[in-house]
Amino acid sequence: MQTRSDPATQPAEFDSKNFLKQLTERPGVYRMFDEGGNVLYVGKARNLKNRVSSYFRKTGLAPKTEALVGKIASIEVTITGSETEALLLEQNLIKSLRPPYNILLRDDKSYPYIYLSSHSDYPSLTFRRGRTKKGGGTWFGPFPSSGAVKESLNVLQKVFRIRSCSESYFKNRTRPCLQYQINRCTAPCVEYISPEDYREDIRHASMFLEGKNPDIIQDLMNAMEAASKSLDFEKAAAYRDQINHLRHVQEQQSVDGEGGDADVIAIAQDAGIVCIVVIIVRGGRVLGTKDYFPRYSIEQTEGELLSAFLGQYYFGGNTRREIPRDVLVPVDVDGQELLAEALTKAANRETRIRGNVRGERRRWLELAMTNAHQTLLTHLASKETVYRRLLALRDTLELSETPSRMECFDISHSHGENTVASCVVFDENGPLKSDYRLYNIEGVTGGDDYAAMRQV
């Protein structure tokens, strides 16, 4: 069921009184539109009438909320069967409509993974962005950042010496490459290691990525003892080095004695900017951290901001994120029970959103808060630096106004062929990578950069 005021007969000021009279008290989602029919804001409500009415009270509205209300020309509502359905619909609409007054996260088109290839004897472990079904193989992830993937691959190469080269490079080798010389690969390309021993290294590497460090260490200790008994001391020393590496990694990455899965989330805000830090822990290991600077246009409390962020983070992306058993937060989150219910339903097991934690988890949450504040300070300082540079550019070029957007184009080619043009963009905040572009140039004489520039 949908109810919408008619924009064609709408007076200059939205007639909220008549609209609210016939509005239902059931749960659902509401969408606010301007005079041009553009969506301004999408929200969910347990009671649509009470929630929408709160925007039209005479006092107590924040200035940014007043600005939103002043632009409303029509409101559309969709009734849902439950609050959980309203939450999921809200996030789908925010993702598709991207309203200017909602909190919006940068849309991660693809997340980083570690890919174990399907090679029958000597599979490789490589960095991949975006999971596909082509080629078979096994995928580990998604990881929170490319840095987390590279760090894990670095450990795997040091400890298990798994190859990371492409299939074409692997097939055409006649002698070991530099990776073998620096002791980061066992040179399976020239069969310096048997398929059986290599598969054992792959098994241990997979266990490492699944957070089973204690099991790997026990396996390696048994292998070390067996090698010692057979007087193969060189092999026993290699196992010993692997065990020491793994114990060192375990000490660095341990969250608490019991392990466990958790997303640790912290928030900091200042000068109109919000920073949210997510620390991802799986099987007692830290997989990495990710910083977010969501755009928001309505003044909100930290609990409201985290509520909007969690909905976007777990339900609003192109790839459904892995949902842990615990989501640790520094403050009470608006609609916390509803979010926990939705996460539990999506994960098919209980998921808790908790702020009142003790011991090591409490210290971890405090560390996340420290990271959030420090990251925000660094971000603000960076913006300040960019602004000073823009002022200097304005003075140098004797411009009447400070530049708000700059686009830089460059032409490149290979000996006059395969001409391409690139564009990088800067705004008041620095590089605007979402607007970077790459163009193929066609129908232009090779090497004629002026004609290529004119085309792009």
Protein backbone atom coordinates (compact mmCIF):
# COMPACT_ATOMS: atom_id res chain seq x y z
CA MET A 1 0.00 0.00 0.00
CA GLN A 2 1.35 3.45 -0.93
CA THR A 3 0.10 6.92 -0.08
CA ARG A 4 1.42 10.01 -1.81
CA SER A 5 0.41 13.62 -1.87
CA ASP A 6 -0.12 14.89 -5.43
CA PRO A 7 2.72 17.28 -6.43
CA ALA A 8 0.59 18.73 -9.24
CA THR A 9 -2.01 20.13 -6.83
CA GLN A 10 0.53 20.85 -4.06
CA PRO A 11 0.68 24.45 -2.87
CA ALA A 12 4.03 26.22 -2.51
CA GLU A 13 4.23 25.05 1.11
CA PHE A 14 3.66 21.39 1.89
CA ASP A 15 0.28 20.85 3.60
CA SER A 16 1.62 18.62 6.35
CA LYS A 17 -1.49 18.90 8.53
CA ASN A 18 -3.84 17.28 6.01
CA PHE A 19 -1.23 14.73 4.97
CA LEU A 20 -0.63 13.60 8.56
CA LYS A 21 -4.35 13.24 9.27
CA GLN A 22 -4.67 10.24 6.98
CA LEU A 23 -1.21 8.75 7.66
CA THR A 24 -1.11 5.25 9.13
CA GLU A 25 0.46 4.30 12.46
CA ARG A 26 1.84 1.05 11.09
CA PRO A 27 5.58 0.42 10.42
CA GLY A 28 7.01 1.36 7.07
CA VAL A 29 9.31 3.58 5.02
CA TYR A 30 8.80 7.21 4.03
CA ARG A 31 10.36 9.17 1.16
CA MET A 32 10.48 12.95 1.01
CA PHE A 33 10.52 14.72 -2.38
CA ASP A 34 11.20 18.29 -3.53
CA GLU A 35 9.16 20.25 -6.10
CA GLY A 36 11.06 18.65 -8.97
CA GLY A 37 10.19 15.14 -7.78
CA ASN A 38 13.74 14.46 -6.59
CA VAL A 39 14.03 12.34 -3.47
CA LEU A 40 15.46 14.26 -0.51
CA TYR A 41 15.41 11.73 2.30
CA VAL A 42 14.45 8.13 3.01
CA GLY A 43 13.62 6.94 6.52
CA LYS A 44 12.05 4.02 8.37
CA ALA A 45 9.59 4.08 11.26
CA ARG A 46 7.92 1.77 13.75
CA ASN A 47 4.99 4.20 13.67
CA LEU A 48 4.86 6.20 10.44
CA LYS A 49 2.49 8.84 11.74
CA ASN A 50 4.53 9.61 14.85
CA ARG A 51 7.85 9.64 13.02
CA VAL A 52 6.81 11.82 10.09
CA SER A 53 4.92 14.18 12.43
CA SER A 54 8.15 14.83 14.33
CA TYR A 55 9.54 16.70 11.31
CA PHE A 56 6.72 19.24 11.38
CA ARG A 57 6.72 20.28 15.04
CA LYS A 58 7.01 24.02 15.59
CA THR A 59 10.10 23.99 17.81
CA GLY A 60 13.12 21.85 18.58
CA LEU A 61 14.31 21.08 15.04
CA ALA A 62 18.00 21.35 14.21
CA PRO A 63 18.88 23.92 11.48
CA LYS A 64 19.80 21.24 8.92
CA THR A 65 16.54 19.40 9.57
CA GLU A 66 14.63 22.67 9.12
CA ALA A 67 16.38 23.12 5.78
CA LEU A 68 15.22 19.64 4.72
CA VAL A 69 11.63 20.28 5.80
CA GLY A 70 11.60 23.59 3.92
CA LYS A 71 12.28 21.75 0.65
CA ILE A 72 9.57 19.07 1.05
CA ALA A 73 6.88 19.19 -1.64
CA SER A 74 5.52 15.67 -1.24
CA ILE A 75 5.94 12.54 0.86
CA GLU A 76 5.48 8.93 -0.18
CA VAL A 77 5.12 6.05 2.27
CA THR A 78 5.32 2.28 1.91
CA ILE A 79 3.77 0.14 4.66
CA THR A 80 5.68 -2.99 5.65
CA GLY A 81 4.77 -6.02 7.71
CA SER A 82 7.40 -5.39 10.40
CA GLU A 83 10.16 -3.05 11.50
CA THR A 84 12.76 -5.47 10.14
CA GLU A 85 11.18 -5.32 6.68
CA ALA A 86 11.16 -1.52 6.95
CA LEU A 87 14.88 -1.49 7.80
CA LEU A 88 15.81 -3.67 4.81
CA LEU A 89 13.60 -1.68 2.42
CA GLU A 90 15.07 1.58 3.71
CA GLN A 91 18.62 0.43 2.99
CA ASN A 92 17.69 -0.81 -0.50
CA LEU A 93 16.11 2.56 -1.31
CA ILE A 94 19.08 4.52 0.06
CA LYS A 95 21.39 2.37 -2.04
CA SER A 96 19.38 2.88 -5.25
CA LEU A 97 18.20 6.49 -4.78
CA ARG A 98 21.17 7.95 -2.84
CA PRO A 99 19.18 10.81 -1.25
CA PRO A 100 21.22 13.94 -0.40
CA TYR A 101 20.01 14.13 3.23
CA ASN A 102 20.77 10.51 4.15
CA ILE A 103 24.07 9.19 5.44
CA LEU A 104 25.81 7.82 2.36
CA LEU A 105 28.84 5.53 2.33
CA ARG A 106 31.17 5.32 -0.62
CA ASP A 107 29.90 2.39 -2.66
CA ASP A 108 32.61 -0.30 -2.60
CA LYS A 109 32.06 -1.86 -6.02
CA SER A 110 34.21 -4.85 -5.11
CA TYR A 111 35.91 -6.02 -1.98
CA PRO A 112 39.42 -7.52 -1.77
CA TYR A 113 39.80 -11.29 -1.47
CA ILE A 114 42.57 -13.87 -1.37
CA TYR A 115 42.12 -16.38 -4.19
CA LEU A 116 43.47 -19.95 -4.13
CA SER A 117 43.63 -21.07 -7.76
CA SER A 118 42.38 -24.41 -9.03
CA HIS A 119 45.74 -25.64 -10.37
CA SER A 120 45.83 -29.41 -9.84
CA ASP A 121 49.38 -29.68 -8.43
CA TYR A 122 50.70 -26.21 -7.59
CA PRO A 123 47.90 -23.69 -6.94
CA SER A 124 48.75 -20.04 -6.26
CA LEU A 125 47.50 -17.56 -3.66
CA THR A 126 46.84 -14.11 -5.11
CA PHE A 127 45.11 -10.82 -4.42
CA ARG A 128 41.76 -10.42 -6.20
CA ARG A 129 39.26 -7.58 -6.10
CA GLY A 130 35.72 -8.82 -6.55
CA ARG A 131 34.59 -12.42 -6.29
CA THR A 132 33.62 -14.28 -9.48
CA LYS A 133 32.54 -17.83 -10.27
CA LYS A 134 34.96 -18.21 -13.17
CA GLY A 135 37.89 -20.59 -12.92
CA GLY A 136 36.79 -22.45 -9.81
CA GLY A 137 39.27 -22.19 -6.96
CA THR A 138 38.67 -21.08 -3.36
CA TRP A 139 37.99 -17.56 -2.11
CA PHE A 140 38.94 -16.21 1.32
CA GLY A 141 37.36 -12.95 2.47
CA PRO A 142 36.13 -10.38 1.88
CA PHE A 143 38.83 -8.43 3.71
CA PRO A 144 38.28 -4.86 4.96
CA SER A 145 41.04 -3.36 2.82
CA SER A 146 43.67 -4.19 0.23
CA GLY A 147 46.31 -3.59 2.92
CA ALA A 148 44.85 -6.41 5.02
CA VAL A 149 45.06 -8.79 2.03
CA LYS A 150 48.66 -7.84 1.25
CA GLU A 151 49.64 -8.25 4.90
CA SER A 152 48.13 -11.75 5.00
CA LEU A 153 49.79 -12.73 1.71
CA ASN A 154 53.11 -11.44 3.04
CA VAL A 155 52.79 -13.72 6.09
CA LEU A 156 51.78 -16.68 3.93
CA GLN A 157 54.80 -16.23 1.65
CA LYS A 158 57.19 -15.96 4.60
CA VAL A 159 55.79 -18.94 6.51
CA PHE A 160 54.54 -21.37 3.85
CA ARG A 161 56.37 -20.11 0.73
CA ILE A 162 53.31 -20.35 -1.54
CA ARG A 163 53.70 -19.05 -5.08
CA SER A 164 51.86 -15.85 -6.02
CA CYS A 165 52.73 -15.61 -9.72
CA SER A 166 50.31 -15.74 -12.65
CA GLU A 167 49.64 -18.98 -14.52
CA SER A 168 51.38 -17.78 -17.71
CA TYR A 169 54.49 -16.75 -15.75
CA PHE A 170 54.46 -20.08 -13.89
CA LYS A 171 54.20 -22.21 -17.05
CA ASN A 172 57.08 -20.47 -18.85
CA ARG A 173 59.73 -20.62 -16.11
CA THR A 174 62.87 -22.68 -16.76
CA ARG A 175 64.65 -21.66 -13.56
CA PRO A 176 63.57 -20.30 -10.13
CA CYS A 177 62.77 -16.61 -9.86
CA LEU A 178 63.87 -14.09 -7.23
CA GLN A 179 61.11 -15.18 -4.84
CA TYR A 180 62.87 -18.52 -4.44
CA GLN A 181 66.23 -16.82 -3.92
CA ILE A 182 64.86 -14.72 -1.02
CA ASN A 183 63.19 -17.78 0.53
CA ARG A 184 59.58 -16.75 -0.19
CA CYS A 185 58.70 -19.54 -2.63
CA THR A 186 59.60 -23.23 -2.97
CA ALA A 187 59.99 -22.99 -6.79
CA PRO A 188 57.17 -25.35 -7.82
CA CYS A 189 57.60 -23.97 -11.38
CA VAL A 190 60.73 -26.15 -11.76
CA GLU A 191 59.47 -28.88 -9.40
CA TYR A 192 61.91 -28.18 -6.57
CA ILE A 193 59.08 -29.33 -4.28
CA SER A 194 56.84 -32.35 -4.76
CA PRO A 195 53.08 -31.87 -5.33
CA GLU A 196 52.41 -33.77 -2.07
CA ASP A 197 54.59 -31.46 0.06
CA TYR A 198 53.21 -28.37 -1.70
CA ARG A 199 49.62 -29.49 -1.05
CA GLU A 200 50.49 -29.80 2.65
CA ASP A 201 51.74 -26.18 2.61
CA ILE A 202 48.51 -25.13 0.88
CA ARG A 203 46.46 -26.98 3.52
CA HIS A 204 48.26 -25.12 6.30
CA ALA A 205 47.90 -21.79 4.49
CA SER A 206 44.15 -22.38 4.16
CA MET A 207 43.94 -23.20 7.87
CA PHE A 208 45.78 -19.96 8.64
CA LEU A 209 43.24 -17.96 6.64
CA GLU A 210 40.45 -19.74 8.52
CA GLY A 211 41.96 -18.72 11.87
CA LYS A 212 43.19 -22.18 12.89
CA ASN A 213 46.69 -21.21 14.01
CA PRO A 214 46.80 -23.58 17.06
CA ASP A 215 45.98 -26.58 14.82
CA ILE A 216 48.70 -25.61 12.33
CA ILE A 217 51.30 -25.22 15.08
CA GLN A 218 50.42 -28.66 16.46
CA ASP A 219 50.74 -30.20 12.96
CA LEU A 220 54.13 -28.54 12.46
CA MET A 221 55.37 -29.63 15.89
CA ASN A 222 54.48 -33.25 15.07
CA ALA A 223 56.26 -32.93 11.71
CA MET A 224 59.32 -31.37 13.41
CA GLU A 225 59.56 -34.26 15.89
CA ALA A 226 59.22 -36.80 13.10
CA ALA A 227 61.97 -35.09 11.09
CA SER A 228 64.26 -35.01 14.15
CA LYS A 229 63.75 -38.73 14.81
CA SER A 230 64.68 -39.51 11.22
CA LEU A 231 67.80 -37.30 11.62
CA ASP A 232 66.58 -34.85 8.96
CA PHE A 233 67.70 -31.84 10.99
CA GLU A 234 67.54 -29.36 8.11
CA LYS A 235 63.85 -30.10 7.60
CA ALA A 236 63.22 -29.99 11.36
CA ALA A 237 64.83 -26.53 11.49
CA ALA A 238 62.53 -25.35 8.69
CA TYR A 239 59.49 -26.55 10.65
CA ARG A 240 60.85 -24.82 13.77
CA ASP A 241 61.14 -21.51 11.86
CA GLN A 242 57.55 -21.86 10.63
CA ILE A 243 56.33 -22.47 14.18
CA ASN A 244 58.19 -19.40 15.46
CA HIS A 245 56.73 -17.24 12.67
CA LEU A 246 53.21 -18.40 13.43
CA ARG A 247 53.57 -17.87 17.17
CA HIS A 248 54.80 -14.33 16.51
CA VAL A 249 51.81 -13.64 14.25
CA GLN A 250 49.46 -15.12 16.83
CA GLU A 251 50.85 -12.84 19.55
CA GLN A 252 50.37 -9.77 17.33
CA GLN A 253 46.87 -10.64 16.23
CA SER A 254 45.32 -12.14 19.37
CA VAL A 255 42.34 -10.20 20.73
CA ASP A 256 41.58 -12.37 23.74
CA GLY A 257 42.23 -15.88 24.98
CA GLU A 258 38.90 -17.17 23.71
CA GLY A 259 39.20 -15.82 20.17
CA GLY A 260 35.83 -15.18 18.59
CA ASP A 261 34.38 -13.06 15.78
CA ALA A 262 33.56 -9.38 16.20
CA ASP A 263 33.31 -6.09 14.35
CA VAL A 264 34.59 -3.31 16.62
CA ILE A 265 33.09 0.03 15.59
CA ALA A 266 34.04 3.50 16.86
CA ILE A 267 32.89 7.00 15.93
CA ALA A 268 34.30 10.52 16.21
CA GLN A 269 32.90 13.79 14.87
CA ASP A 270 34.14 17.35 14.69
CA ALA A 271 33.83 20.38 12.41
CA GLY A 272 30.87 18.83 10.58
CA ILE A 273 32.78 15.66 9.67
CA VAL A 274 32.12 12.15 10.98
CA CYS A 275 34.77 9.42 11.06
CA ILE A 276 33.78 5.81 11.71
CA VAL A 277 36.45 3.13 12.19
CA VAL A 278 35.69 -0.59 11.82
CA ILE A 279 38.14 -3.16 13.18
CA ILE A 280 37.37 -6.67 11.89
CA VAL A 281 38.28 -9.64 14.09
CA ARG A 282 37.74 -13.24 12.97
CA GLY A 283 38.78 -16.31 14.92
CA GLY A 284 40.69 -14.13 17.37
CA ARG A 285 42.74 -12.58 14.54
CA VAL A 286 42.62 -9.00 13.37
CA LEU A 287 41.97 -9.03 9.62
CA GLY A 288 42.33 -5.27 9.33
CA THR A 289 40.68 -1.89 9.81
CA LYS A 290 38.67 0.39 7.56
CA ASP A 291 37.94 4.11 7.92
CA TYR A 292 34.70 5.70 6.69
CA PHE A 293 33.72 9.34 6.34
CA PRO A 294 29.97 9.11 5.63
CA ARG A 295 28.22 12.11 4.20
CA TYR A 296 25.37 13.38 6.33
CA SER A 297 23.19 16.48 6.07
CA ILE A 298 20.98 16.31 9.18
CA GLU A 299 22.31 16.99 12.68
CA GLN A 300 22.23 13.68 14.54
CA THR A 301 23.53 12.12 17.74
CA GLU A 302 26.27 9.50 17.68
CA GLY A 303 23.64 6.82 18.37
CA GLU A 304 21.59 7.96 15.35
CA LEU A 305 24.68 8.18 13.13
CA LEU A 306 25.79 4.67 14.11
CA SER A 307 22.30 3.32 13.50
CA ALA A 308 22.28 4.73 9.97
CA PHE A 309 25.84 3.54 9.38
CA LEU A 310 25.21 -0.03 10.53
CA GLY A 311 22.19 -0.35 8.26
CA GLN A 312 24.22 0.89 5.27
CA TYR A 313 27.30 -1.14 6.20
CA TYR A 314 25.63 -4.53 6.50
CA PHE A 315 22.66 -4.22 4.13
CA GLY A 316 23.36 -1.36 1.71
CA GLY A 317 26.36 -2.55 -0.31
CA ASN A 318 26.68 -4.47 -3.57
CA THR A 319 28.22 -7.40 -1.69
CA ARG A 320 26.61 -8.77 1.46
CA ARG A 321 29.19 -8.47 4.22
CA GLU A 322 30.03 -11.26 6.61
CA ILE A 323 28.06 -10.78 9.83
CA PRO A 324 29.97 -11.62 13.05
CA ARG A 325 28.50 -12.88 16.31
CA ASP A 326 29.27 -9.58 18.07
CA VAL A 327 29.15 -5.98 16.93
CA LEU A 328 30.89 -3.81 19.54
CA VAL A 329 29.83 -0.15 19.72
CA PRO A 330 30.88 2.70 22.04
CA VAL A 331 27.37 4.15 22.60
CA ASP A 332 23.77 2.96 22.58
CA VAL A 333 22.57 2.71 18.99
CA ASP A 334 19.12 3.93 17.96
CA GLY A 335 16.97 0.92 17.09
CA GLN A 336 19.64 -1.42 18.47
CA GLU A 337 17.26 -4.33 19.07
CA LEU A 338 15.80 -3.98 15.58
CA LEU A 339 19.25 -3.96 13.97
CA ALA A 340 20.33 -6.99 16.02
CA GLU A 341 17.18 -8.83 14.95
CA ALA A 342 17.83 -8.02 11.28
CA LEU A 343 21.48 -9.13 11.55
CA THR A 344 20.44 -12.34 13.32
CA LYS A 345 17.93 -13.08 10.58
CA ALA A 346 20.45 -12.39 7.81
CA ALA A 347 23.17 -14.52 9.47
CA ASN A 348 20.81 -17.37 10.52
CA ARG A 349 22.29 -17.26 14.03
CA GLU A 350 22.30 -14.89 16.96
CA THR A 351 24.18 -11.62 16.46
CA ARG A 352 24.50 -9.15 19.33
CA ILE A 353 25.15 -5.41 19.27
CA ARG A 354 26.95 -4.67 22.51
CA GLY A 355 28.53 -1.66 24.14
CA ASN A 356 28.80 -2.80 27.75
CA VAL A 357 31.81 -5.12 27.46
CA ARG A 358 34.68 -5.85 29.83
CA GLY A 359 38.26 -7.01 29.88
CA GLU A 360 40.19 -7.24 26.64
CA ARG A 361 37.16 -6.41 24.49
CA ARG A 362 36.65 -3.18 26.41
CA ARG A 363 40.28 -2.21 25.86
CA TRP A 364 39.88 -3.08 22.17
CA LEU A 365 36.84 -0.82 21.90
CA GLU A 366 38.78 1.99 23.57
CA LEU A 367 41.62 1.47 21.09
CA ALA A 368 39.11 1.73 18.22
CA MET A 369 37.86 5.03 19.67
CA THR A 370 41.43 6.31 19.88
CA ASN A 371 41.92 5.35 16.23
CA ALA A 372 38.72 7.13 15.22
CA HIS A 373 39.72 10.38 16.94
CA GLN A 374 43.24 10.25 15.52
CA THR A 375 42.01 9.45 12.01
CA LEU A 376 39.55 12.35 12.17
CA LEU A 377 42.29 14.76 13.34
CA THR A 378 44.53 13.61 10.48
CA HIS A 379 41.68 14.05 8.00
CA LEU A 380 40.90 17.56 9.23
CA ALA A 381 44.56 18.51 9.08
CA SER A 382 44.73 17.17 5.54
CA LYS A 383 41.69 19.24 4.49
CA GLU A 384 43.32 22.30 6.06
CA THR A 385 46.48 21.69 4.04
CA VAL A 386 44.50 21.29 0.82
CA TYR A 387 42.62 24.54 1.50
CA ARG A 388 45.85 26.46 2.08
CA ARG A 389 47.17 25.14 -1.22
CA LEU A 390 44.01 26.24 -3.00
CA LEU A 391 44.41 29.73 -1.56
CA ALA A 392 48.01 29.81 -2.76
CA LEU A 393 46.90 28.68 -6.24
CA ARG A 394 44.23 31.38 -6.31
CA ASP A 395 46.79 34.06 -5.45
CA THR A 396 49.38 32.73 -7.91
CA LEU A 397 46.90 32.67 -10.81
CA GLU A 398 45.24 35.92 -9.64
CA LEU A 399 41.79 34.31 -9.63
CA SER A 400 38.76 36.18 -8.29
CA GLU A 401 37.57 33.10 -6.37
CA THR A 402 39.15 30.05 -4.75
CA PRO A 403 38.91 27.02 -7.10
CA SER A 404 36.30 24.48 -5.97
CA ARG A 405 37.02 21.86 -8.63
CA MET A 406 40.03 21.15 -10.83
CA GLU A 407 40.31 18.62 -13.65
CA CYS A 408 43.66 17.63 -15.13
CA PHE A 409 43.91 15.71 -18.44
CA ASP A 410 46.89 13.82 -19.81
CA ILE A 411 47.47 11.99 -23.09
CA SER A 412 49.64 8.90 -23.38
CA HIS A 413 50.38 6.36 -26.11
CA SER A 414 52.76 3.57 -27.04
CA HIS A 415 54.90 4.76 -30.01
CA GLY A 416 51.89 6.58 -31.43
CA GLU A 417 49.46 3.67 -30.97
CA ASN A 418 46.79 2.80 -28.39
CA THR A 419 46.27 6.44 -27.43
CA VAL A 420 44.43 6.99 -24.15
CA ALA A 421 43.54 10.03 -22.07
CA SER A 422 43.26 10.18 -18.30
CA CYS A 423 41.49 12.67 -16.06
CA VAL A 424 42.15 13.28 -12.37
CA VAL A 425 39.90 15.52 -10.30
CA PHE A 426 40.46 17.57 -7.14
CA ASP A 427 37.92 19.46 -5.05
CA GLU A 428 38.11 21.32 -1.72
CA ASN A 429 38.83 18.03 0.09
CA GLY A 430 41.68 16.87 -2.14
CA PRO A 431 41.63 14.04 -4.72
CA LEU A 432 38.10 13.06 -5.81
CA LYS A 433 38.89 9.54 -7.01
CA SER A 434 35.26 8.65 -7.76
CA ASP A 435 35.42 11.15 -10.65
CA TYR A 436 38.70 9.89 -12.15
CA ARG A 437 38.22 8.76 -15.75
CA LEU A 438 40.13 6.95 -18.51
CA TYR A 439 39.22 7.51 -22.20
CA ASN A 440 40.12 5.59 -25.35
CA ILE A 441 41.04 7.99 -28.18
CA GLU A 442 39.96 6.97 -31.70
CA GLY A 443 40.35 8.44 -35.19
CA VAL A 444 43.31 10.66 -34.28
CA THR A 445 46.71 10.63 -35.96
CA GLY A 446 49.23 8.82 -33.78
CA GLY A 447 51.28 11.19 -31.67
CA ASP A 448 48.97 14.19 -32.21
CA ASP A 449 48.43 15.05 -28.56
CA TYR A 450 46.58 18.28 -29.40
CA ALA A 451 43.94 16.45 -31.44
CA ALA A 452 43.64 13.79 -28.73
CA MET A 453 43.18 16.50 -26.10
CA ARG A 454 40.55 18.19 -28.25
CA GLN A 455 38.63 14.89 -28.55
CA VAL A 456 38.67 14.09 -24.84
